[in-house]
C-alpha atoms as a PDB file:
ATOM      1  CA  MET A   1       9.984 -11.803  -1.661  1.00  0.00           C
ATOM      2  CA  LYS A   2      10.496  -8.234  -0.421  1.00  0.00           C
ATOM      3  CA  ILE A   3       7.620  -5.822   0.042  1.00  0.00           C
ATOM      4  CA  THR A   4       7.927  -2.279   1.358  1.00  0.00           C
ATOM      5  CA  LEU A   5       4.229  -1.455   1.771  1.00  0.00           C
ATOM      6  CA  GLY A   6       3.569  -1.372   5.524  1.00  0.00           C
ATOM      7  CA  GLN A   7       7.188  -0.900   6.583  1.00  0.00           C
ATOM      8  CA  TYR A   8       8.596   2.185   8.295  1.00  0.00           C
ATOM      9  CA  LEU A   9      12.044   3.487   7.408  1.00  0.00           C
ATOM     10  CA  PRO A  10      13.347   5.872  10.112  1.00  0.00           C
ATOM     11  CA  ILE A  11      15.314   8.529   8.217  1.00  0.00           C
ATOM     12  CA  ARG A  12      15.752  12.238   8.863  1.00  0.00           C
ATOM     13  CA  SER A  13      14.097  13.950   5.890  1.00  0.00           C
ATOM     14  CA  PRO A  14      11.609  16.780   5.227  1.00  0.00           C
ATOM     15  CA  VAL A  15       8.912  14.253   4.342  1.00  0.00           C
ATOM     16  CA  HIS A  16       9.430  12.250   7.535  1.00  0.00           C
ATOM     17  CA  SER A  17       9.085  15.397   9.648  1.00  0.00           C
ATOM     18  CA  LEU A  18       5.741  16.434   8.115  1.00  0.00           C
ATOM     19  CA  ASP A  19       2.580  16.211  10.176  1.00  0.00           C
ATOM     20  CA  PRO A  20       1.064  12.723   9.681  1.00  0.00           C
ATOM     21  CA  ARG A  21      -2.366  14.269   9.133  1.00  0.00           C
ATOM     22  CA  VAL A  22      -0.974  16.251   6.198  1.00  0.00           C
ATOM     23  CA  LYS A  23       0.643  13.152   4.701  1.00  0.00           C
ATOM     24  CA  PHE A  24      -2.509  11.112   5.185  1.00  0.00           C
ATOM     25  CA  PHE A  25      -4.635  13.735   3.425  1.00  0.00           C
ATOM     26  CA  LEU A  26      -2.146  14.126   0.575  1.00  0.00           C
ATOM     27  CA  MET A  27      -1.965  10.346   0.131  1.00  0.00           C
ATOM     28  CA  ALA A  28      -5.755  10.111  -0.237  1.00  0.00           C
ATOM     29  CA  LEU A  29      -5.830  13.111  -2.575  1.00  0.00           C
ATOM     30  CA  GLY A  30      -2.951  11.747  -4.659  1.00  0.00           C
ATOM     31  CA  ILE A  31      -4.596   8.342  -5.080  1.00  0.00           C
ATOM     32  CA  GLY A  32      -7.838  10.033  -6.071  1.00  0.00           C
ATOM     33  CA  ALA A  33      -6.003  12.267  -8.547  1.00  0.00           C
ATOM     34  CA  VAL A  34      -4.051   9.503 -10.265  1.00  0.00           C
ATOM     35  CA  PHE A  35      -7.232   7.588 -11.143  1.00  0.00           C
ATOM     36  CA  GLN A  36      -8.602  10.723 -12.830  1.00  0.00           C
ATOM     37  CA  ILE A  37      -5.648  10.988 -15.223  1.00  0.00           C
ATOM     38  CA  ASP A  38      -6.267   9.822 -18.793  1.00  0.00           C
ATOM     39  CA  GLN A  39      -3.430  11.419 -20.772  1.00  0.00           C
ATOM     40  CA  ARG A  40      -0.013   9.818 -21.130  1.00  0.00           C
ATOM     41  CA  ILE A  41       1.823  13.111 -20.662  1.00  0.00           C
ATOM     42  CA  ALA A  42      -0.049  13.723 -17.405  1.00  0.00           C
ATOM     43  CA  LEU A  43       0.854  10.220 -16.200  1.00  0.00           C
ATOM     44  CA  GLY A  44       4.506  10.931 -16.967  1.00  0.00           C
ATOM     45  CA  CYS A  45       4.354  14.213 -15.030  1.00  0.00           C
ATOM     46  CA  PHE A  46       2.686  12.427 -12.114  1.00  0.00           C
ATOM     47  CA  ALA A  47       5.486   9.844 -12.122  1.00  0.00           C
ATOM     48  CA  LEU A  48       8.009  12.693 -12.014  1.00  0.00           C
ATOM     49  CA  ILE A  49       6.222  14.202  -8.997  1.00  0.00           C
ATOM     50  CA  CYS A  50       6.307  10.837  -7.189  1.00  0.00           C
ATOM     51  CA  LEU A  51      10.007  10.494  -8.001  1.00  0.00           C
ATOM     52  CA  ILE A  52      10.770  13.974  -6.646  1.00  0.00           C
ATOM     53  CA  ILE A  53       8.901  13.240  -3.400  1.00  0.00           C
ATOM     54  CA  THR A  54      10.803   9.947  -3.086  1.00  0.00           C
ATOM     55  CA  LEU A  55      14.131  11.725  -3.481  1.00  0.00           C
ATOM     56  CA  ILE A  56      13.153  14.396  -0.942  1.00  0.00           C
ATOM     57  CA  ALA A  57      12.186  11.622   1.485  1.00  0.00           C
ATOM     58  CA  LYS A  58      15.646  10.046   0.930  1.00  0.00           C
ATOM     59  CA  ILE A  59      14.042   6.674   0.189  1.00  0.00           C
ATOM     60  CA  PRO A  60      16.304   4.370  -1.872  1.00  0.00           C
ATOM     61  CA  ILE A  61      14.738   4.035  -5.323  1.00  0.00           C
ATOM     62  CA  ALA A  62      15.859   0.412  -5.654  1.00  0.00           C
ATOM     63  CA  ARG A  63      14.205  -0.520  -2.374  1.00  0.00           C
ATOM     64  CA  LEU A  64      10.981   1.236  -3.323  1.00  0.00           C
ATOM     65  CA  PHE A  65      10.692  -0.466  -6.706  1.00  0.00           C
ATOM     66  CA  SER A  66      11.619  -3.854  -5.264  1.00  0.00           C
ATOM     67  CA  GLY A  67       8.541  -3.487  -3.095  1.00  0.00           C
ATOM     68  CA  LEU A  68       6.392  -3.056  -6.211  1.00  0.00           C
ATOM     69  CA  VAL A  69       7.553  -6.364  -7.727  1.00  0.00           C
ATOM     70  CA  PRO A  70       5.101  -8.538  -5.693  1.00  0.00           C
ATOM     71  CA  PHE A  71       2.221  -6.529  -7.168  1.00  0.00           C
ATOM     72  CA  ILE A  72       3.225  -7.129 -10.810  1.00  0.00           C
ATOM     73  CA  TRP A  73       0.616  -9.873 -11.126  1.00  0.00           C
ATOM     74  CA  LEU A  74      -2.076  -7.371 -10.123  1.00  0.00           C
ATOM     75  CA  PHE A  75      -0.941  -4.831 -12.739  1.00  0.00           C
ATOM     76  CA  PHE A  76      -0.687  -7.513 -15.432  1.00  0.00           C
ATOM     77  CA  PHE A  77      -4.043  -9.110 -14.606  1.00  0.00           C
ATOM     78  CA  THR A  78      -5.813  -5.729 -14.641  1.00  0.00           C
ATOM     79  CA  ALA A  79      -4.238  -4.806 -17.974  1.00  0.00           C
ATOM     80  CA  ILE A  80      -5.211  -8.149 -19.531  1.00  0.00           C
ATOM     81  CA  LEU A  81      -8.836  -7.704 -18.457  1.00  0.00           C
ATOM     82  CA  HIS A  82      -8.983  -4.334 -20.194  1.00  0.00           C
ATOM     83  CA  VAL A  83      -7.355  -5.690 -23.361  1.00  0.00           C
ATOM     84  CA  PHE A  84      -9.991  -8.383 -23.878  1.00  0.00           C
ATOM     85  CA  MET A  85     -13.076  -6.735 -22.357  1.00  0.00           C
ATOM     86  CA  THR A  86     -12.937  -3.228 -23.851  1.00  0.00           C
ATOM     87  CA  PRO A  87     -14.727  -2.788 -27.201  1.00  0.00           C
ATOM     88  CA  GLY A  88     -12.920  -1.052 -30.033  1.00  0.00           C
ATOM     89  CA  ASP A  89     -10.614  -1.658 -32.983  1.00  0.00           C
ATOM     90  CA  PRO A  90      -9.364  -5.284 -33.015  1.00  0.00           C
ATOM     91  CA  ILE A  91      -5.686  -6.140 -32.851  1.00  0.00           C
ATOM     92  CA  PRO A  92      -4.903  -8.412 -35.850  1.00  0.00           C
ATOM     93  CA  TRP A  93      -2.410 -10.733 -34.152  1.00  0.00           C
ATOM     94  CA  ILE A  94      -4.343 -11.122 -30.860  1.00  0.00           C
ATOM     95  CA  PRO A  95      -7.869 -12.609 -31.085  1.00  0.00           C
ATOM     96  CA  HIS A  96     -10.653 -10.690 -29.246  1.00  0.00           C
ATOM     97  CA  ALA A  97      -8.186  -7.949 -28.192  1.00  0.00           C
ATOM     98  CA  THR A  98      -8.666  -4.261 -28.988  1.00  0.00           C
ATOM     99  CA  MET A  99      -6.318  -1.298 -29.277  1.00  0.00           C
ATOM    100  CA  GLN A 100      -8.521   0.768 -26.960  1.00  0.00           C
ATOM    101  CA  GLY A 101      -8.341  -2.036 -24.412  1.00  0.00           C
ATOM    102  CA  LEU A 102      -4.554  -2.189 -24.731  1.00  0.00           C
ATOM    103  CA  HIS A 103      -4.189   1.542 -24.134  1.00  0.00           C
ATOM    104  CA  GLY A 104      -6.696   1.427 -21.285  1.00  0.00           C
ATOM    105  CA  GLY A 105      -4.965  -1.561 -19.683  1.00  0.00           C
ATOM    106  CA  ILE A 106      -1.579   0.154 -19.752  1.00  0.00           C
ATOM    107  CA  ARG A 107      -3.124   3.311 -18.274  1.00  0.00           C
ATOM    108  CA  VAL A 108      -4.908   1.476 -15.444  1.00  0.00           C
ATOM    109  CA  GLY A 109      -1.798  -0.592 -14.704  1.00  0.00           C
ATOM    110  CA  LEU A 110       0.270   2.575 -14.352  1.00  0.00           C
ATOM    111  CA  GLN A 111      -2.412   4.130 -12.172  1.00  0.00           C
ATOM    112  CA  LEU A 112      -2.226   1.153  -9.826  1.00  0.00           C
ATOM    113  CA  VAL A 113       1.571   1.445  -9.754  1.00  0.00           C
ATOM    114  CA  PHE A 114       1.391   5.108  -8.748  1.00  0.00           C
ATOM    115  CA  ALA A 115      -1.334   4.439  -6.145  1.00  0.00           C
ATOM    116  CA  ILE A 116       0.782   1.781  -4.449  1.00  0.00           C
ATOM    117  CA  TRP A 117       3.834   4.034  -4.834  1.00  0.00           C
ATOM    118  CA  ILE A 118       2.094   6.824  -2.910  1.00  0.00           C
ATOM    119  CA  SER A 119       0.811   4.423  -0.250  1.00  0.00           C
ATOM    120  CA  THR A 120       4.296   2.961   0.180  1.00  0.00           C
ATOM    121  CA  LEU A 121       5.778   6.433   0.623  1.00  0.00           C
ATOM    122  CA  MET A 122       3.200   7.069   3.345  1.00  0.00           C
ATOM    123  CA  THR A 123       4.099   3.952   5.321  1.00  0.00           C
ATOM    124  CA  LEU A 124       7.850   4.328   4.793  1.00  0.00           C
ATOM    125  CA  THR A 125       7.885   7.895   6.125  1.00  0.00           C
ATOM    126  CA  THR A 126       5.302   7.640   8.923  1.00  0.00           C
ATOM    127  CA  SER A 127       5.659   5.652  12.125  1.00  0.00           C
ATOM    128  CA  PRO A 128       2.802   3.281  13.076  1.00  0.00           C
ATOM    129  CA  LEU A 129       1.811   5.386  16.107  1.00  0.00           C
ATOM    130  CA  ASP A 130       1.627   8.529  13.991  1.00  0.00           C
ATOM    131  CA  MET A 131      -0.489   6.706  11.408  1.00  0.00           C
ATOM    132  CA  VAL A 132      -2.946   5.577  14.079  1.00  0.00           C
ATOM    133  CA  TRP A 133      -3.139   9.104  15.481  1.00  0.00           C
ATOM    134  CA  ALA A 134      -3.759  10.606  12.021  1.00  0.00           C
ATOM    135  CA  MET A 135      -6.525   8.094  11.252  1.00  0.00           C
ATOM    136  CA  GLU A 136      -8.118   8.729  14.641  1.00  0.00           C
ATOM    137  CA  TRP A 137      -8.052  12.476  13.976  1.00  0.00           C
ATOM    138  CA  PHE A 138      -9.804  12.134  10.611  1.00  0.00           C
ATOM    139  CA  LEU A 139     -12.341   9.646  11.964  1.00  0.00           C
ATOM    140  CA  LYS A 140     -13.050  11.707  15.094  1.00  0.00           C
ATOM    141  CA  PRO A 141     -16.471  12.992  13.847  1.00  0.00           C
ATOM    142  CA  LEU A 142     -17.690   9.375  13.693  1.00  0.00           C
ATOM    143  CA  ALA A 143     -17.121   9.056  17.442  1.00  0.00           C
ATOM    144  CA  TYR A 144     -20.263  11.139  18.004  1.00  0.00           C
ATOM    145  CA  LEU A 145     -22.179   8.342  16.262  1.00  0.00           C
ATOM    146  CA  LYS A 146     -20.764   5.801  18.752  1.00  0.00           C
ATOM    147  CA  VAL A 147     -18.375   4.394  16.131  1.00  0.00           C
ATOM    148  CA  PRO A 148     -15.256   2.833  17.765  1.00  0.00           C
ATOM    149  CA  VAL A 149     -12.830   5.144  15.999  1.00  0.00           C
ATOM    150  CA  ASP A 150      -9.752   4.189  18.053  1.00  0.00           C
ATOM    151  CA  GLU A 151     -10.236   0.466  17.476  1.00  0.00           C
ATOM    152  CA  ILE A 152     -10.833   0.926  13.735  1.00  0.00           C
ATOM    153  CA  ALA A 153      -7.660   3.009  13.352  1.00  0.00           C
ATOM    154  CA  LEU A 154      -5.639   0.429  15.279  1.00  0.00           C
ATOM    155  CA  LEU A 155      -6.998  -2.457  13.189  1.00  0.00           C
ATOM    156  CA  VAL A 156      -6.207  -0.667   9.920  1.00  0.00           C
ATOM    157  CA  MET A 157      -2.666   0.080  11.057  1.00  0.00           C
ATOM    158  CA  LEU A 158      -2.095  -3.525  12.197  1.00  0.00           C
ATOM    159  CA  ALA A 159      -3.473  -4.852   8.887  1.00  0.00           C
ATOM    160  CA  ILE A 160      -1.042  -2.635   6.952  1.00  0.00           C
ATOM    161  CA  ARG A 161       1.847  -3.697   9.152  1.00  0.00           C
ATOM    162  CA  PHE A 162       1.000  -7.388   8.681  1.00  0.00           C
ATOM    163  CA  VAL A 163       1.199  -7.199   4.870  1.00  0.00           C
ATOM    164  CA  PRO A 164       5.027  -7.397   4.600  1.00  0.00           C
ATOM    165  CA  ILE A 165       5.164  -9.909   7.461  1.00  0.00           C
ATOM    166  CA  LEU A 166       2.812 -12.288   5.648  1.00  0.00           C
ATOM    167  CA  PHE A 167       4.765 -11.985   2.394  1.00  0.00           C
ATOM    168  CA  GLU A 168       8.052 -12.693   4.175  1.00  0.00           C
ATOM    169  CA  GLU A 169       6.548 -15.599   6.099  1.00  0.00           C
ATOM    170  CA  THR A 170       5.139 -17.122   2.885  1.00  0.00           C
ATOM    171  CA  ASP A 171       8.470 -16.767   1.108  1.00  0.00           C
ATOM    172  CA  ARG A 172      10.310 -18.361   4.057  1.00  0.00           C
ATOM    173  CA  ILE A 173       7.912 -21.337   4.176  1.00  0.00           C
ATOM    174  CA  ILE A 174       8.130 -21.920   0.407  1.00  0.00           C
ATOM    175  CA  LYS A 175      11.929 -21.951   0.535  1.00  0.00           C
ATOM    176  CA  ALA A 176      11.902 -24.300   3.543  1.00  0.00           C
ATOM    177  CA  GLN A 177       9.532 -26.736   1.828  1.00  0.00           C
ATOM    178  CA  LYS A 178      11.603 -26.692  -1.373  1.00  0.00           C
ATOM    179  CA  ALA A 179      14.713 -27.440   0.680  1.00  0.00           C
ATOM    180  CA  ARG A 180      12.867 -30.477   2.080  1.00  0.00           C
ATOM    181  CA  GLY A 181      12.199 -31.747  -1.439  1.00  0.00           C
ATOM    182  CA  VAL A 182       8.562 -30.675  -1.809  1.00  0.00           C
ATOM    183  CA  ASP A 183       7.668 -30.092  -5.475  1.00  0.00           C
ATOM    184  CA  LEU A 184       5.498 -26.982  -5.732  1.00  0.00           C
ATOM    185  CA  GLU A 185       5.805 -26.176  -9.428  1.00  0.00           C
ATOM    186  CA  SER A 186       5.426 -29.290 -11.589  1.00  0.00           C
ATOM    187  CA  GLY A 187       2.265 -31.220 -12.438  1.00  0.00           C
ATOM    188  CA  GLY A 188      -1.253 -30.222 -13.349  1.00  0.00           C
ATOM    189  CA  LEU A 189      -3.608 -27.809 -11.644  1.00  0.00           C
ATOM    190  CA  ILE A 190      -4.944 -30.332  -9.110  1.00  0.00           C
ATOM    191  CA  LYS A 191      -1.449 -31.447  -8.138  1.00  0.00           C
ATOM    192  CA  ARG A 192      -0.288 -27.866  -7.691  1.00  0.00           C
ATOM    193  CA  VAL A 193      -3.270 -27.067  -5.487  1.00  0.00           C
ATOM    194  CA  ARG A 194      -2.530 -30.118  -3.331  1.00  0.00           C
ATOM    195  CA  SER A 195       1.138 -29.147  -3.123  1.00  0.00           C
ATOM    196  CA  LEU A 196       0.114 -25.840  -1.520  1.00  0.00           C
ATOM    197  CA  VAL A 197      -1.091 -27.652   1.607  1.00  0.00           C
ATOM    198  CA  PRO A 198       2.457 -27.824   3.098  1.00  0.00           C
ATOM    199  CA  VAL A 199       2.608 -24.041   2.608  1.00  0.00           C
ATOM    200  CA  VAL A 200      -0.864 -22.986   3.718  1.00  0.00           C
ATOM    201  CA  VAL A 201      -0.949 -25.016   6.944  1.00  0.00           C
ATOM    202  CA  PRO A 202       2.268 -23.623   8.503  1.00  0.00           C
ATOM    203  CA  LEU A 203       1.365 -20.161   7.188  1.00  0.00           C
ATOM    204  CA  LEU A 204      -1.979 -20.213   9.007  1.00  0.00           C
ATOM    205  CA  TYR A 205      -0.260 -21.525  12.119  1.00  0.00           C
ATOM    206  CA  GLY A 206       2.253 -18.687  11.955  1.00  0.00           C
ATOM    207  CA  VAL A 207      -0.515 -16.092  11.441  1.00  0.00           C
ATOM    208  CA  PHE A 208      -2.483 -17.304  14.476  1.00  0.00           C
ATOM    209  CA  ARG A 209       0.705 -17.464  16.556  1.00  0.00           C
ATOM    210  CA  ARG A 210       1.633 -13.887  15.643  1.00  0.00           C
ATOM    211  CA  ALA A 211      -1.919 -12.729  16.363  1.00  0.00           C
ATOM    212  CA  ASP A 212      -1.769 -14.379  19.788  1.00  0.00           C
ATOM    213  CA  ASP A 213       1.604 -12.795  20.524  1.00  0.00           C
ATOM    214  CA  LEU A 214       0.235  -9.420  19.460  1.00  0.00           C
ATOM    215  CA  ALA A 215      -2.788  -9.784  21.738  1.00  0.00           C
ATOM    216  CA  ILE A 216      -0.514 -10.642  24.673  1.00  0.00           C
ATOM    217  CA  ALA A 217       1.738  -7.666  23.892  1.00  0.00           C
ATOM    218  CA  LEU A 218      -1.234  -5.286  23.792  1.00  0.00           C
ATOM    219  CA  THR A 219      -2.555  -6.670  27.070  1.00  0.00           C
ATOM    220  CA  LEU A 220       0.820  -6.290  28.792  1.00  0.00           C
ATOM    221  CA  ARG A 221       0.967  -2.667  27.616  1.00  0.00           C
ATOM    222  CA  GLY A 222      -2.389  -1.962  29.240  1.00  0.00           C
ATOM    223  CA  TYR A 223      -4.467  -1.668  26.093  1.00  0.00           C
ATOM    224  CA  THR A 224      -8.193  -1.617  26.855  1.00  0.00           C
ATOM    225  CA  PRO A 225     -10.771  -1.282  24.040  1.00  0.00           C
ATOM    226  CA  GLY A 226     -12.873   1.845  24.440  1.00  0.00           C
ATOM    227  CA  LEU A 227     -10.516   3.482  26.921  1.00  0.00           C
ATOM    228  CA  LYS A 228      -9.268   6.930  25.899  1.00  0.00           C
ATOM    229  CA  ARG A 229      -5.492   6.931  25.572  1.00  0.00           C
ATOM    230  CA  SER A 230      -3.217   9.928  25.956  1.00  0.00           C
ATOM    231  CA  ARG A 231      -0.075  10.737  23.991  1.00  0.00           C
ATOM    232  CA  MET A 232       3.295  11.609  25.457  1.00  0.00           C
ATOM    233  CA  LYS A 233       3.985  14.025  22.581  1.00  0.00           C
ATOM    234  CA  THR A 234       1.426  16.248  20.895  1.00  0.00           C
ATOM    235  CA  ARG A 235       1.958  17.548  17.364  1.00  0.00           C
ATOM    236  CA  LYS A 236       0.802  20.781  15.785  1.00  0.00           C
ATOM    237  CA  ALA A 237       0.938  21.699  12.125  1.00  0.00           C
ATOM    238  CA  GLY A 238       3.694  24.221  11.398  1.00  0.00           C
ATOM    239  CA  ALA A 239       4.555  26.479   8.496  1.00  0.00           C
ATOM    240  CA  ALA A 240       6.332  23.651   6.629  1.00  0.00           C
ATOM    241  CA  ASP A 241       3.257  21.407   6.975  1.00  0.00           C
ATOM    242  CA  ILE A 242       0.889  24.113   5.718  1.00  0.00           C
ATOM    243  CA  GLY A 243       3.213  24.961   2.816  1.00  0.00           C
ATOM    244  CA  ALA A 244       3.548  21.312   1.783  1.00  0.00           C
ATOM    245  CA  LEU A 245      -0.217  20.901   2.061  1.00  0.00           C
ATOM    246  CA  ILE A 246      -0.980  23.905  -0.150  1.00  0.00           C
ATOM    247  CA  VAL A 247       1.651  23.225  -2.828  1.00  0.00           C
ATOM    248  CA  THR A 248       1.086  19.471  -3.127  1.00  0.00           C
ATOM    249  CA  SER A 249      -2.702  19.825  -3.000  1.00  0.00           C
ATOM    250  CA  ALA A 250      -2.563  22.416  -5.795  1.00  0.00           C
ATOM    251  CA  ILE A 251      -0.504  20.019  -7.925  1.00  0.00           C
ATOM    252  CA  PHE A 252      -2.860  17.086  -7.352  1.00  0.00           C
ATOM    253  CA  VAL A 253      -5.975  19.193  -7.973  1.00  0.00           C
ATOM    254  CA  THR A 254      -4.409  20.385 -11.228  1.00  0.00           C
ATOM    255  CA  PHE A 255      -4.056  16.753 -12.336  1.00  0.00           C
ATOM    256  CA  ILE A 256      -7.734  16.184 -11.510  1.00  0.00           C
ATOM    257  CA  TRP A 257      -8.796  19.149 -13.654  1.00  0.00           C
ATOM    258  CA  LEU A 258      -6.659  18.160 -16.648  1.00  0.00           C
END
């Protein structure tokens, strides 16, 4: 199972070279804008914008969409909930389903696809250190309230980075158990739940082992909670960053007003 959310793809592109603070702001604005879209034409235009940004970032389309496959269950489950829980005109061949719910489910499913698409573009084009720095910069006002901004930014970045690792680890364990003859698919619900024990136990062991290795690595690199850390390279927003911020923000705000 391949997942691209949380991975960084080092490529020389205009999107990669943008200031991480600009990309972080545009990601939040884009996610907010996509959930305000109700019209199908607007959703199609938003998909075109995401595709153009992906091409500018030189991200392989096949790799990007392969990372969306693990989230299909989320899109499908959300759409099904809308189909059966939204009041409206009933669908003759589906009991308790409505046409309004069907349209709403498709819309919300597409909105989730675009939200994860934008988030994936952010992680693929921004290094982990730059992401931490951008989050620290936006959360800096909370430091005056004694909020541990640096630690929060680091935890968020590590959580995002662990998402693809956990998916890959789960897929590796499932394949290993199937190779050993463990049946994970047949039988009733109770049998399937019991068959997950050979998967969950080594997965938890692997998670705790990776967490311990990460703690040791941070300690060896001199990480101390609460201690102000300096950066070898400082970044300043340039003309390209300001231009991308203005143009992309105008596009997203237009979608919000539609």
